[in-house]
């Protein structure tokens, strides 16, 4: 298989779209949240793609898997921050459900990628 950049990974592309949607949403939050919820949500959304890309640059499949597991943790953190945003009444129930579904979709893709990496790591 020819070399593939992390930018070619469908899971990275999906994480990037989610990150951009979150960035747009946080611009609607009150200024008081700039260094609180906004910052936390932006950081966790950026972490997903960053971890996937860093893992992609590692030499072994177990290293790649480890970074993808960290990315999956960032997705969970992101959902938790969305729950906080919802509790503060900055998003509607419809909005949190939309982002919950987007997070689940990226998580499914990430789990598939982790499983693929796991199979590749067992090949001779």
Foldseek 3Di string as FASTA:
>chain_A
DDDDALVPQPLLVLLVVLLVVLLVLLVQDDPVCVVPLSVLLNVLSVLLNVLQRVLSPDDALVSNLVSLVVSLVSLVSNLVSLVVCVVVVSDDPVVSVVSVVSSVVSNVSSVVVSVVSVVVNPDD
